[in-house]
Amino acid sequence: MLLGSLVLAGLAILGPLSLPEEAQAPPSAPRERTLVFVGDVMLARGVGVKMQEQGDWAYPFGNLLETLRSADLTFGNLECPVSDQGRDLHHLYSFRADPRVLAGLKDAGFDVVSQANNHTYDWGPKALLDSLRRLRAEGIRPVGAGQNDLEAHYPVIVDVGGLRVGFLAYVEINPKEATAGVDRPGVAWLEPERVLADIRFARPLVDVLVVCPHWGVEYAPRPKPEHVKLGQRMIDAGADLIVGSHPHVVQPLDEYHGRWIAYSLGNFVFDQKRTETHHGLMLKVTVRDKQIASVTMTPTHINSRFQAELDLPKPSREQALRAKPSQSSTRAQ
């Protein structure tokens, strides 16, 4: 007993023991997560025909599979319902993709897709609900649409290795009858005050909050002034990143109070004919210690076979083709 007391007294005098330098645990590196965002993905019409001809439902993403899969989370605006149900409402353009495209989206690594756009309702509420059900069954989280108003506006929250990433999505492009109601399926309509209230509700639930508005003017190179102001208000309300869609062309990326607003990422996979719609922007967002540390922009373009590719400078592209002649000639067949 006396010996034990002497030992304890000695420890009190000497202070806490320290481990040898080689035995001490090294300081842990900051935890990083990578989020990748792409623009409009439309898998019907000419794109759908091409996939069926190739017998490959991941065909439009074939050149960028490694990039998309390597992200901890990959997001895109899915510009069509994915269903074999519903009735064509004969909008100016009506899209509905074969349900088999879901295997391609899954294979390409998509985790979250927005269904808050003006084509989600092209085949009515039955196709919309079927699309949402099929996406969830594949493990792909749809956002911005639902069986009622509450579901359409509720944030989708994804756990990315301990990082809680929240998504909200809205549309302000007609048809407005696609808007979800208390007991009516549809999309979340972009009403500024409601959007800001949704952001304030979602903010304490997540580490990173992304808002995805389907807005703007088709083919316009710059955002509308009211959308610049609204994007800033969204940031002030608590959003970390705004990722817009609909114009089908790339619009500027703005920094505001240390947060980012991408007004339009353009097209990622589409079959439109206008040359400017063949280009898009991929955002790589690095999150470190639950804060956005960097945003990297990578231009993309859609080739003549409806495949997304990196939009490399011409000399770099020529070097890449010379480095892999057999691969490029195989794709060209």
C-alpha atoms as a PDB file:
ATOM      1  CA  MET A   1       0.000   0.000   0.000  1.00  0.00           C
ATOM      2  CA  LEU A   2       2.842   2.365   0.927  1.00  0.00           C
ATOM      3  CA  LEU A   3       4.617   1.519  -2.349  1.00  0.00           C
ATOM      4  CA  GLY A   4       1.498   2.321  -4.373  1.00  0.00           C
ATOM      5  CA  SER A   5       1.114   5.683  -2.645  1.00  0.00           C
ATOM      6  CA  LEU A   6       4.742   6.566  -3.380  1.00  0.00           C
ATOM      7  CA  VAL A   7       4.277   5.695  -7.070  1.00  0.00           C
ATOM      8  CA  LEU A   8       1.147   7.851  -7.355  1.00  0.00           C
ATOM      9  CA  ALA A   9       2.902  10.728  -5.579  1.00  0.00           C
ATOM     10  CA  GLY A  10       5.813  10.449  -8.017  1.00  0.00           C
ATOM     11  CA  LEU A  11       3.442  10.597 -10.994  1.00  0.00           C
ATOM     12  CA  ALA A  12       1.777  13.676  -9.580  1.00  0.00           C
ATOM     13  CA  ILE A  13       5.150  15.410  -9.314  1.00  0.00           C
ATOM     14  CA  LEU A  14       6.426  14.328 -12.710  1.00  0.00           C
ATOM     15  CA  GLY A  15       3.172  15.080 -14.522  1.00  0.00           C
ATOM     16  CA  PRO A  16       1.537  12.886 -17.187  1.00  0.00           C
ATOM     17  CA  LEU A  17       3.716  10.374 -18.973  1.00  0.00           C
ATOM     18  CA  SER A  18       4.408  11.032 -22.648  1.00  0.00           C
ATOM     19  CA  LEU A  19       4.870   8.328 -25.263  1.00  0.00           C
ATOM     20  CA  PRO A  20       8.119   8.077 -27.216  1.00  0.00           C
ATOM     21  CA  GLU A  21       7.956  10.177 -30.394  1.00  0.00           C
ATOM     22  CA  GLU A  22       7.743   7.154 -32.678  1.00  0.00           C
ATOM     23  CA  ALA A  23       4.801   5.742 -30.685  1.00  0.00           C
ATOM     24  CA  GLN A  24       2.661   8.888 -30.763  1.00  0.00           C
ATOM     25  CA  ALA A  25      -0.272   8.884 -33.212  1.00  0.00           C
ATOM     26  CA  PRO A  26       0.295  11.282 -36.145  1.00  0.00           C
ATOM     27  CA  PRO A  27      -2.172  14.165 -36.484  1.00  0.00           C
ATOM     28  CA  SER A  28      -5.117  13.078 -38.636  1.00  0.00           C
ATOM     29  CA  ALA A  29      -5.353  14.609 -42.100  1.00  0.00           C
ATOM     30  CA  PRO A  30      -8.473  16.680 -42.876  1.00  0.00           C
ATOM     31  CA  ARG A  31     -11.258  14.481 -44.247  1.00  0.00           C
ATOM     32  CA  GLU A  32     -11.987  15.244 -47.892  1.00  0.00           C
ATOM     33  CA  ARG A  33     -14.991  14.365 -50.024  1.00  0.00           C
ATOM     34  CA  THR A  34     -15.422  15.022 -53.743  1.00  0.00           C
ATOM     35  CA  LEU A  35     -18.780  16.010 -55.246  1.00  0.00           C
ATOM     36  CA  VAL A  36     -19.235  16.165 -59.038  1.00  0.00           C
ATOM     37  CA  PHE A  37     -22.049  18.144 -60.700  1.00  0.00           C
ATOM     38  CA  VAL A  38     -23.016  17.987 -64.374  1.00  0.00           C
ATOM     39  CA  GLY A  39     -25.705  19.763 -66.381  1.00  0.00           C
ATOM     40  CA  ASP A  40     -28.748  18.551 -68.294  1.00  0.00           C
ATOM     41  CA  VAL A  41     -29.008  14.819 -68.935  1.00  0.00           C
ATOM     42  CA  MET A  42     -31.730  13.881 -71.448  1.00  0.00           C
ATOM     43  CA  LEU A  43     -31.928  10.163 -72.250  1.00  0.00           C
ATOM     44  CA  ALA A  44     -34.902  10.025 -74.640  1.00  0.00           C
ATOM     45  CA  ARG A  45     -35.321  10.841 -78.353  1.00  0.00           C
ATOM     46  CA  GLY A  46     -32.047  10.556 -80.327  1.00  0.00           C
ATOM     47  CA  VAL A  47     -29.976   9.682 -77.256  1.00  0.00           C
ATOM     48  CA  GLY A  48     -32.333   6.821 -76.424  1.00  0.00           C
ATOM     49  CA  VAL A  49     -32.190   5.484 -79.972  1.00  0.00           C
ATOM     50  CA  LYS A  50     -28.387   5.537 -79.897  1.00  0.00           C
ATOM     51  CA  MET A  51     -28.216   3.615 -76.614  1.00  0.00           C
ATOM     52  CA  GLN A  52     -30.601   0.984 -77.936  1.00  0.00           C
ATOM     53  CA  GLU A  53     -28.593   0.613 -81.171  1.00  0.00           C
ATOM     54  CA  GLN A  54     -25.401   0.140 -79.150  1.00  0.00           C
ATOM     55  CA  GLY A  55     -27.034  -2.180 -76.636  1.00  0.00           C
ATOM     56  CA  ASP A  56     -25.306  -0.118 -73.948  1.00  0.00           C
ATOM     57  CA  TRP A  57     -27.356   1.977 -71.538  1.00  0.00           C
ATOM     58  CA  ALA A  58     -24.256   3.699 -70.160  1.00  0.00           C
ATOM     59  CA  TYR A  59     -23.107   4.617 -73.691  1.00  0.00           C
ATOM     60  CA  PRO A  60     -23.580   8.436 -73.370  1.00  0.00           C
ATOM     61  CA  PHE A  61     -21.263   8.452 -70.334  1.00  0.00           C
ATOM     62  CA  GLY A  62     -18.724   5.966 -71.693  1.00  0.00           C
ATOM     63  CA  ASN A  63     -15.860   8.419 -72.117  1.00  0.00           C
ATOM     64  CA  LEU A  64     -16.205   9.813 -68.591  1.00  0.00           C
ATOM     65  CA  LEU A  65     -17.172   6.766 -66.547  1.00  0.00           C
ATOM     66  CA  GLU A  66     -13.992   6.855 -64.474  1.00  0.00           C
ATOM     67  CA  THR A  67     -14.458  10.537 -63.630  1.00  0.00           C
ATOM     68  CA  LEU A  68     -18.112  10.149 -62.671  1.00  0.00           C
ATOM     69  CA  ARG A  69     -17.576   6.971 -60.662  1.00  0.00           C
ATOM     70  CA  SER A  70     -14.555   8.274 -58.781  1.00  0.00           C
ATOM     71  CA  ALA A  71     -16.524  11.042 -57.060  1.00  0.00           C
ATOM     72  CA  ASP A  72     -17.952  10.435 -53.616  1.00  0.00           C
ATOM     73  CA  LEU A  73     -21.236  11.838 -54.957  1.00  0.00           C
ATOM     74  CA  THR A  74     -22.345  12.578 -58.532  1.00  0.00           C
ATOM     75  CA  PHE A  75     -25.317  14.802 -59.423  1.00  0.00           C
ATOM     76  CA  GLY A  76     -27.104  15.721 -62.651  1.00  0.00           C
ATOM     77  CA  ASN A  77     -30.362  17.314 -63.826  1.00  0.00           C
ATOM     78  CA  LEU A  78     -32.389  14.451 -65.347  1.00  0.00           C
ATOM     79  CA  GLU A  79     -34.367  16.221 -68.068  1.00  0.00           C
ATOM     80  CA  CYS A  80     -36.999  13.512 -68.588  1.00  0.00           C
ATOM     81  CA  PRO A  81     -39.151  11.028 -66.706  1.00  0.00           C
ATOM     82  CA  VAL A  82     -37.906   7.430 -66.840  1.00  0.00           C
ATOM     83  CA  SER A  83     -40.997   5.299 -67.321  1.00  0.00           C
ATOM     84  CA  ASP A  84     -43.133   3.158 -69.613  1.00  0.00           C
ATOM     85  CA  GLN A  85     -46.333   4.584 -68.162  1.00  0.00           C
ATOM     86  CA  GLY A  86     -48.396   7.739 -68.489  1.00  0.00           C
ATOM     87  CA  ARG A  87     -49.946   9.653 -71.379  1.00  0.00           C
ATOM     88  CA  ASP A  88     -48.124  12.031 -73.720  1.00  0.00           C
ATOM     89  CA  LEU A  89     -49.380  15.523 -72.887  1.00  0.00           C
ATOM     90  CA  HIS A  90     -47.969  16.780 -76.217  1.00  0.00           C
ATOM     91  CA  HIS A  91     -45.921  19.666 -74.930  1.00  0.00           C
ATOM     92  CA  LEU A  92     -43.762  21.410 -77.528  1.00  0.00           C
ATOM     93  CA  TYR A  93     -41.170  18.700 -76.847  1.00  0.00           C
ATOM     94  CA  SER A  94     -42.200  15.613 -74.906  1.00  0.00           C
ATOM     95  CA  PHE A  95     -39.541  13.333 -73.454  1.00  0.00           C
ATOM     96  CA  ARG A  96     -39.873   9.938 -71.778  1.00  0.00           C
ATOM     97  CA  ALA A  97     -36.856   7.634 -71.405  1.00  0.00           C
ATOM     98  CA  ASP A  98     -36.845   3.839 -71.517  1.00  0.00           C
ATOM     99  CA  PRO A  99     -36.596   2.453 -67.948  1.00  0.00           C
ATOM    100  CA  ARG A 100     -33.518   0.508 -69.040  1.00  0.00           C
ATOM    101  CA  VAL A 101     -31.522   3.776 -68.983  1.00  0.00           C
ATOM    102  CA  LEU A 102     -31.523   3.524 -65.189  1.00  0.00           C
ATOM    103  CA  ALA A 103     -28.922   0.775 -65.420  1.00  0.00           C
ATOM    104  CA  GLY A 104     -26.690   3.226 -67.312  1.00  0.00           C
ATOM    105  CA  LEU A 105     -27.201   6.024 -64.781  1.00  0.00           C
ATOM    106  CA  LYS A 106     -26.386   3.627 -61.983  1.00  0.00           C
ATOM    107  CA  ASP A 107     -23.341   2.251 -63.797  1.00  0.00           C
ATOM    108  CA  ALA A 108     -22.093   5.802 -64.385  1.00  0.00           C
ATOM    109  CA  GLY A 109     -22.203   6.480 -60.652  1.00  0.00           C
ATOM    110  CA  PHE A 110     -25.083   8.974 -60.398  1.00  0.00           C
ATOM    111  CA  ASP A 111     -26.290   9.294 -56.810  1.00  0.00           C
ATOM    112  CA  VAL A 112     -28.732  12.221 -56.944  1.00  0.00           C
ATOM    113  CA  VAL A 113     -30.733  13.654 -59.864  1.00  0.00           C
ATOM    114  CA  SER A 114     -33.080  16.608 -60.047  1.00  0.00           C
ATOM    115  CA  GLN A 115     -36.548  15.953 -61.405  1.00  0.00           C
ATOM    116  CA  ALA A 116     -37.520  19.602 -60.899  1.00  0.00           C
ATOM    117  CA  ASN A 117     -37.611  20.620 -64.545  1.00  0.00           C
ATOM    118  CA  ASN A 118     -40.116  21.406 -67.287  1.00  0.00           C
ATOM    119  CA  HIS A 119     -39.951  17.927 -68.872  1.00  0.00           C
ATOM    120  CA  THR A 120     -40.595  15.768 -65.809  1.00  0.00           C
ATOM    121  CA  TYR A 121     -44.362  16.154 -66.393  1.00  0.00           C
ATOM    122  CA  ASP A 122     -44.314  15.537 -70.159  1.00  0.00           C
ATOM    123  CA  TRP A 123     -46.180  12.228 -69.718  1.00  0.00           C
ATOM    124  CA  GLY A 124     -48.273  13.301 -66.762  1.00  0.00           C
ATOM    125  CA  PRO A 125     -48.385  12.392 -63.075  1.00  0.00           C
ATOM    126  CA  LYS A 126     -48.393   8.628 -63.600  1.00  0.00           C
ATOM    127  CA  ALA A 127     -45.066   8.687 -65.460  1.00  0.00           C
ATOM    128  CA  LEU A 128     -43.625  11.142 -62.938  1.00  0.00           C
ATOM    129  CA  LEU A 129     -44.447   8.950 -59.950  1.00  0.00           C
ATOM    130  CA  ASP A 130     -43.213   5.851 -61.769  1.00  0.00           C
ATOM    131  CA  SER A 131     -39.948   7.640 -62.574  1.00  0.00           C
ATOM    132  CA  LEU A 132     -39.421   8.591 -58.922  1.00  0.00           C
ATOM    133  CA  ARG A 133     -40.155   5.020 -57.806  1.00  0.00           C
ATOM    134  CA  ARG A 134     -37.782   3.475 -60.335  1.00  0.00           C
ATOM    135  CA  LEU A 135     -34.965   5.891 -59.495  1.00  0.00           C
ATOM    136  CA  ARG A 136     -35.224   5.133 -55.784  1.00  0.00           C
ATOM    137  CA  ALA A 137     -35.309   1.402 -56.481  1.00  0.00           C
ATOM    138  CA  GLU A 138     -31.938   1.778 -58.244  1.00  0.00           C
ATOM    139  CA  GLY A 139     -30.479   3.689 -55.301  1.00  0.00           C
ATOM    140  CA  ILE A 140     -30.567   7.032 -57.147  1.00  0.00           C
ATOM    141  CA  ARG A 141     -32.145   9.815 -55.089  1.00  0.00           C
ATOM    142  CA  PRO A 142     -34.549  12.125 -56.978  1.00  0.00           C
ATOM    143  CA  VAL A 143     -35.079  15.648 -55.656  1.00  0.00           C
ATOM    144  CA  GLY A 144     -37.550  18.436 -56.413  1.00  0.00           C
ATOM    145  CA  ALA A 145     -40.610  16.317 -57.225  1.00  0.00           C
ATOM    146  CA  GLY A 146     -42.941  14.048 -55.331  1.00  0.00           C
ATOM    147  CA  GLN A 147     -46.387  12.634 -54.746  1.00  0.00           C
ATOM    148  CA  ASN A 148     -47.402  15.905 -53.055  1.00  0.00           C
ATOM    149  CA  ASP A 149     -46.178  19.396 -52.196  1.00  0.00           C
ATOM    150  CA  LEU A 150     -44.484  18.335 -48.961  1.00  0.00           C
ATOM    151  CA  GLU A 151     -42.440  15.579 -50.617  1.00  0.00           C
ATOM    152  CA  ALA A 152     -41.457  17.802 -53.555  1.00  0.00           C
ATOM    153  CA  HIS A 153     -40.117  20.514 -51.224  1.00  0.00           C
ATOM    154  CA  TYR A 154     -38.531  18.276 -48.621  1.00  0.00           C
ATOM    155  CA  PRO A 155     -34.699  18.186 -48.678  1.00  0.00           C
ATOM    156  CA  VAL A 156     -32.966  15.043 -49.868  1.00  0.00           C
ATOM    157  CA  ILE A 157     -30.092  14.300 -47.492  1.00  0.00           C
ATOM    158  CA  VAL A 158     -27.287  11.939 -48.454  1.00  0.00           C
ATOM    159  CA  ASP A 159     -24.652  10.636 -46.051  1.00  0.00           C
ATOM    160  CA  VAL A 160     -21.330  10.737 -47.891  1.00  0.00           C
ATOM    161  CA  GLY A 161     -18.941   8.969 -45.555  1.00  0.00           C
ATOM    162  CA  GLY A 162     -20.072  10.991 -42.546  1.00  0.00           C
ATOM    163  CA  LEU A 163     -20.654  14.199 -44.555  1.00  0.00           C
ATOM    164  CA  ARG A 164     -24.345  15.135 -44.691  1.00  0.00           C
ATOM    165  CA  VAL A 165     -25.100  16.714 -48.084  1.00  0.00           C
ATOM    166  CA  GLY A 166     -28.574  18.186 -48.548  1.00  0.00           C
ATOM    167  CA  PHE A 167     -30.340  18.954 -51.842  1.00  0.00           C
ATOM    168  CA  LEU A 168     -33.307  21.147 -52.717  1.00  0.00           C
ATOM    169  CA  ALA A 169     -34.554  21.618 -56.304  1.00  0.00           C
ATOM    170  CA  TYR A 170     -37.118  23.890 -57.953  1.00  0.00           C
ATOM    171  CA  VAL A 171     -38.479  24.836 -61.380  1.00  0.00           C
ATOM    172  CA  GLU A 172     -39.994  28.065 -62.712  1.00  0.00           C
ATOM    173  CA  ILE A 173     -40.416  26.991 -66.341  1.00  0.00           C
ATOM    174  CA  ASN A 174     -43.913  26.112 -67.627  1.00  0.00           C
ATOM    175  CA  PRO A 175     -46.050  24.060 -67.498  1.00  0.00           C
ATOM    176  CA  LYS A 176     -47.062  25.452 -64.129  1.00  0.00           C
ATOM    177  CA  GLU A 177     -49.772  22.800 -63.852  1.00  0.00           C
ATOM    178  CA  ALA A 178     -46.928  20.413 -63.066  1.00  0.00           C
ATOM    179  CA  THR A 179     -46.639  22.068 -59.637  1.00  0.00           C
ATOM    180  CA  ALA A 180     -47.226  19.647 -56.775  1.00  0.00           C
ATOM    181  CA  GLY A 181     -50.247  20.248 -54.547  1.00  0.00           C
ATOM    182  CA  VAL A 182     -51.432  19.097 -51.158  1.00  0.00           C
ATOM    183  CA  ASP A 183     -52.681  15.848 -52.679  1.00  0.00           C
ATOM    184  CA  ARG A 184     -51.371  16.192 -56.255  1.00  0.00           C
ATOM    185  CA  PRO A 185     -48.083  14.805 -57.641  1.00  0.00           C
ATOM    186  CA  GLY A 186     -45.735  17.273 -59.257  1.00  0.00           C
ATOM    187  CA  VAL A 187     -42.636  19.434 -58.970  1.00  0.00           C
ATOM    188  CA  ALA A 188     -41.499  22.064 -56.468  1.00  0.00           C
ATOM    189  CA  TRP A 189     -42.281  25.461 -58.014  1.00  0.00           C
ATOM    190  CA  LEU A 190     -39.678  28.186 -57.584  1.00  0.00           C
ATOM    191  CA  GLU A 191     -41.387  30.737 -55.330  1.00  0.00           C
ATOM    192  CA  PRO A 192     -38.615  32.855 -53.758  1.00  0.00           C
ATOM    193  CA  GLU A 193     -40.029  33.194 -50.241  1.00  0.00           C
ATOM    194  CA  ARG A 194     -40.918  29.501 -50.076  1.00  0.00           C
ATOM    195  CA  VAL A 195     -37.452  28.567 -51.331  1.00  0.00           C
ATOM    196  CA  LEU A 196     -35.772  30.710 -48.682  1.00  0.00           C
ATOM    197  CA  ALA A 197     -37.960  29.138 -45.988  1.00  0.00           C
ATOM    198  CA  ASP A 198     -37.004  25.652 -47.238  1.00  0.00           C
ATOM    199  CA  ILE A 199     -33.310  26.595 -47.083  1.00  0.00           C
ATOM    200  CA  ARG A 200     -33.639  27.828 -43.503  1.00  0.00           C
ATOM    201  CA  PHE A 201     -35.398  24.592 -42.551  1.00  0.00           C
ATOM    202  CA  ALA A 202     -32.751  22.382 -44.195  1.00  0.00           C
ATOM    203  CA  ARG A 203     -29.672  24.293 -43.008  1.00  0.00           C
ATOM    204  CA  PRO A 204     -29.346  22.788 -39.499  1.00  0.00           C
ATOM    205  CA  LEU A 205     -29.944  19.268 -40.837  1.00  0.00           C
ATOM    206  CA  VAL A 206     -26.871  19.127 -43.094  1.00  0.00           C
ATOM    207  CA  ASP A 207     -23.193  20.011 -43.392  1.00  0.00           C
ATOM    208  CA  VAL A 208     -23.364  21.159 -47.039  1.00  0.00           C
ATOM    209  CA  LEU A 209     -26.568  22.449 -48.656  1.00  0.00           C
ATOM    210  CA  VAL A 210     -26.999  22.498 -52.456  1.00  0.00           C
ATOM    211  CA  VAL A 211     -29.925  24.265 -54.170  1.00  0.00           C
ATOM    212  CA  CYS A 212     -30.725  23.358 -57.785  1.00  0.00           C
ATOM    213  CA  PRO A 213     -33.055  25.826 -59.567  1.00  0.00           C
ATOM    214  CA  HIS A 214     -34.338  25.152 -63.100  1.00  0.00           C
ATOM    215  CA  TRP A 215     -34.535  28.748 -64.300  1.00  0.00           C
ATOM    216  CA  GLY A 216     -33.420  31.287 -66.856  1.00  0.00           C
ATOM    217  CA  VAL A 217     -33.769  31.810 -70.595  1.00  0.00           C
ATOM    218  CA  GLU A 218     -32.861  29.163 -73.128  1.00  0.00           C
ATOM    219  CA  TYR A 219     -29.580  29.842 -75.000  1.00  0.00           C
ATOM    220  CA  ALA A 220     -28.941  33.069 -73.032  1.00  0.00           C
ATOM    221  CA  PRO A 221     -25.231  33.432 -72.166  1.00  0.00           C
ATOM    222  CA  ARG A 222     -25.906  35.279 -68.899  1.00  0.00           C
ATOM    223  CA  PRO A 223     -28.413  34.923 -66.063  1.00  0.00           C
ATOM    224  CA  LYS A 224     -31.369  37.229 -65.571  1.00  0.00           C
ATOM    225  CA  PRO A 225     -30.634  40.042 -63.067  1.00  0.00           C
ATOM    226  CA  GLU A 226     -33.414  38.816 -60.769  1.00  0.00           C
ATOM    227  CA  HIS A 227     -31.771  35.389 -60.653  1.00  0.00           C
ATOM    228  CA  VAL A 228     -28.447  36.919 -59.642  1.00  0.00           C
ATOM    229  CA  LYS A 229     -30.223  38.587 -56.710  1.00  0.00           C
ATOM    230  CA  LEU A 230     -32.182  35.441 -55.849  1.00  0.00           C
ATOM    231  CA  GLY A 231     -29.029  33.307 -55.920  1.00  0.00           C
ATOM    232  CA  GLN A 232     -27.414  35.704 -53.464  1.00  0.00           C
ATOM    233  CA  ARG A 233     -30.474  35.590 -51.217  1.00  0.00           C
ATOM    234  CA  MET A 234     -30.284  31.797 -51.246  1.00  0.00           C
ATOM    235  CA  ILE A 235     -26.677  31.977 -50.086  1.00  0.00           C
ATOM    236  CA  ASP A 236     -27.605  34.493 -47.378  1.00  0.00           C
ATOM    237  CA  ALA A 237     -30.365  32.120 -46.211  1.00  0.00           C
ATOM    238  CA  GLY A 238     -27.889  29.267 -45.756  1.00  0.00           C
ATOM    239  CA  ALA A 239     -27.138  27.568 -49.094  1.00  0.00           C
ATOM    240  CA  ASP A 240     -23.512  26.607 -49.757  1.00  0.00           C
ATOM    241  CA  LEU A 241     -23.793  26.016 -53.507  1.00  0.00           C
ATOM    242  CA  ILE A 242     -26.334  26.899 -56.222  1.00  0.00           C
ATOM    243  CA  VAL A 243     -26.356  24.656 -59.313  1.00  0.00           C
ATOM    244  CA  GLY A 244     -28.738  25.901 -62.018  1.00  0.00           C
ATOM    245  CA  SER A 245     -30.076  24.400 -65.223  1.00  0.00           C
ATOM    246  CA  HIS A 246     -32.439  24.988 -68.197  1.00  0.00           C
ATOM    247  CA  PRO A 247     -30.653  27.467 -70.530  1.00  0.00           C
ATOM    248  CA  HIS A 248     -28.833  24.507 -72.249  1.00  0.00           C
ATOM    249  CA  VAL A 249     -25.724  26.674 -72.485  1.00  0.00           C
ATOM    250  CA  VAL A 250     -23.042  27.473 -69.937  1.00  0.00           C
ATOM    251  CA  GLN A 251     -23.508  30.633 -67.890  1.00  0.00           C
ATOM    252  CA  PRO A 252     -21.009  32.258 -65.481  1.00  0.00           C
ATOM    253  CA  LEU A 253     -19.925  30.845 -62.146  1.00  0.00           C
ATOM    254  CA  ASP A 254     -20.057  33.549 -59.460  1.00  0.00           C
ATOM    255  CA  GLU A 255     -18.508  33.657 -56.005  1.00  0.00           C
ATOM    256  CA  TYR A 256     -20.573  35.366 -53.333  1.00  0.00           C
ATOM    257  CA  HIS A 257     -19.536  35.595 -49.661  1.00  0.00           C
ATOM    258  CA  GLY A 258     -17.254  32.589 -50.076  1.00  0.00           C
ATOM    259  CA  ARG A 259     -20.006  30.472 -51.659  1.00  0.00           C
ATOM    260  CA  TRP A 260     -20.646  29.628 -55.310  1.00  0.00           C
ATOM    261  CA  ILE A 261     -23.484  30.172 -57.778  1.00  0.00           C
ATOM    262  CA  ALA A 262     -23.422  28.234 -61.071  1.00  0.00           C
ATOM    263  CA  TYR A 263     -26.364  29.731 -62.978  1.00  0.00           C
ATOM    264  CA  SER A 264     -26.300  27.054 -65.684  1.00  0.00           C
ATOM    265  CA  LEU A 265     -23.979  24.108 -66.334  1.00  0.00           C
ATOM    266  CA  GLY A 266     -25.315  23.726 -69.887  1.00  0.00           C
ATOM    267  CA  ASN A 267     -25.911  20.297 -71.423  1.00  0.00           C
ATOM    268  CA  PHE A 268     -24.050  17.160 -70.411  1.00  0.00           C
ATOM    269  CA  VAL A 269     -25.941  14.621 -72.545  1.00  0.00           C
ATOM    270  CA  PHE A 270     -28.548  15.868 -75.043  1.00  0.00           C
ATOM    271  CA  ASP A 271     -29.382  15.691 -78.736  1.00  0.00           C
ATOM    272  CA  GLN A 272     -30.103  19.341 -79.529  1.00  0.00           C
ATOM    273  CA  LYS A 273     -28.807  20.635 -82.855  1.00  0.00           C
ATOM    274  CA  ARG A 274     -27.626  24.150 -81.962  1.00  0.00           C
ATOM    275  CA  THR A 275     -23.839  24.178 -81.651  1.00  0.00           C
ATOM    276  CA  GLU A 276     -23.797  26.122 -78.392  1.00  0.00           C
ATOM    277  CA  THR A 277     -25.905  23.399 -76.738  1.00  0.00           C
ATOM    278  CA  HIS A 278     -23.145  20.837 -77.312  1.00  0.00           C
ATOM    279  CA  HIS A 279     -21.083  22.305 -74.475  1.00  0.00           C
ATOM    280  CA  GLY A 280     -21.330  22.001 -70.727  1.00  0.00           C
ATOM    281  CA  LEU A 281     -19.456  22.480 -67.502  1.00  0.00           C
ATOM    282  CA  MET A 282     -18.557  19.868 -64.911  1.00  0.00           C
ATOM    283  CA  LEU A 283     -18.017  21.114 -61.375  1.00  0.00           C
ATOM    284  CA  LYS A 284     -15.723  19.214 -59.032  1.00  0.00           C
ATOM    285  CA  VAL A 285     -16.364  20.390 -55.488  1.00  0.00           C
ATOM    286  CA  THR A 286     -13.875  19.424 -52.790  1.00  0.00           C
ATOM    287  CA  VAL A 287     -15.256  19.430 -49.258  1.00  0.00           C
ATOM    288  CA  ARG A 288     -12.726  19.450 -46.438  1.00  0.00           C
ATOM    289  CA  ASP A 289     -13.717  19.271 -42.772  1.00  0.00           C
ATOM    290  CA  LYS A 290     -17.362  19.741 -43.812  1.00  0.00           C
ATOM    291  CA  GLN A 291     -16.652  23.005 -45.646  1.00  0.00           C
ATOM    292  CA  ILE A 292     -16.358  23.609 -49.398  1.00  0.00           C
ATOM    293  CA  ALA A 293     -12.618  24.048 -49.904  1.00  0.00           C
ATOM    294  CA  SER A 294     -12.479  24.416 -53.696  1.00  0.00           C
ATOM    295  CA  VAL A 295     -14.545  24.345 -56.869  1.00  0.00           C
ATOM    296  CA  THR A 296     -12.913  23.207 -60.112  1.00  0.00           C
ATOM    297  CA  MET A 297     -14.520  23.826 -63.519  1.00  0.00           C
ATOM    298  CA  THR A 298     -13.971  21.363 -66.353  1.00  0.00           C
ATOM    299  CA  PRO A 299     -15.522  22.101 -69.784  1.00  0.00           C
ATOM    300  CA  THR A 300     -17.265  19.209 -71.530  1.00  0.00           C
ATOM    301  CA  HIS A 301     -18.814  18.749 -74.929  1.00  0.00           C
ATOM    302  CA  ILE A 302     -21.206  16.309 -76.614  1.00  0.00           C
ATOM    303  CA  ASN A 303     -19.767  14.505 -79.609  1.00  0.00           C
ATOM    304  CA  SER A 304     -21.676  13.506 -82.744  1.00  0.00           C
ATOM    305  CA  ARG A 305     -22.584  10.169 -81.112  1.00  0.00           C
ATOM    306  CA  PHE A 306     -24.323  11.865 -78.157  1.00  0.00           C
ATOM    307  CA  GLN A 307     -21.473  11.058 -75.779  1.00  0.00           C
ATOM    308  CA  ALA A 308     -20.089  13.436 -73.168  1.00  0.00           C
ATOM    309  CA  GLU A 309     -16.360  14.122 -73.407  1.00  0.00           C
ATOM    310  CA  LEU A 310     -13.880  16.455 -71.770  1.00  0.00           C
ATOM    311  CA  ASP A 311     -13.546  19.605 -73.844  1.00  0.00           C
ATOM    312  CA  LEU A 312      -9.755  19.601 -74.083  1.00  0.00           C
ATOM    313  CA  PRO A 313      -7.834  22.239 -76.037  1.00  0.00           C
ATOM    314  CA  LYS A 314      -7.272  21.082 -79.591  1.00  0.00           C
ATOM    315  CA  PRO A 315      -3.537  20.179 -79.218  1.00  0.00           C
ATOM    316  CA  SER A 316      -4.278  18.177 -76.055  1.00  0.00           C
ATOM    317  CA  ARG A 317      -7.094  16.335 -77.771  1.00  0.00           C
ATOM    318  CA  GLU A 318      -4.874  15.458 -80.725  1.00  0.00           C
ATOM    319  CA  GLN A 319      -2.209  14.149 -78.366  1.00  0.00           C
ATOM    320  CA  ALA A 320      -4.795  12.061 -76.530  1.00  0.00           C
ATOM    321  CA  LEU A 321      -6.044  10.553 -79.771  1.00  0.00           C
ATOM    322  CA  ARG A 322      -2.498   9.781 -80.930  1.00  0.00           C
ATOM    323  CA  ALA A 323      -1.762   8.149 -77.586  1.00  0.00           C
ATOM    324  CA  LYS A 324      -4.753   5.794 -77.900  1.00  0.00           C
ATOM    325  CA  PRO A 325      -5.415   5.319 -81.627  1.00  0.00           C
ATOM    326  CA  SER A 326      -7.042   1.937 -81.270  1.00  0.00           C
ATOM    327  CA  GLN A 327      -9.483   3.169 -78.620  1.00  0.00           C
ATOM    328  CA  SER A 328     -10.573   6.226 -80.617  1.00  0.00           C
ATOM    329  CA  SER A 329     -11.047   4.228 -83.810  1.00  0.00           C
ATOM    330  CA  THR A 330     -13.125   1.654 -81.931  1.00  0.00           C
ATOM    331  CA  ARG A 331     -15.504   4.382 -80.683  1.00  0.00           C
ATOM    332  CA  ALA A 332     -15.818   5.787 -84.195  1.00  0.00           C
ATOM    333  CA  GLN A 333     -17.159   2.547 -85.694  1.00  0.00           C
END
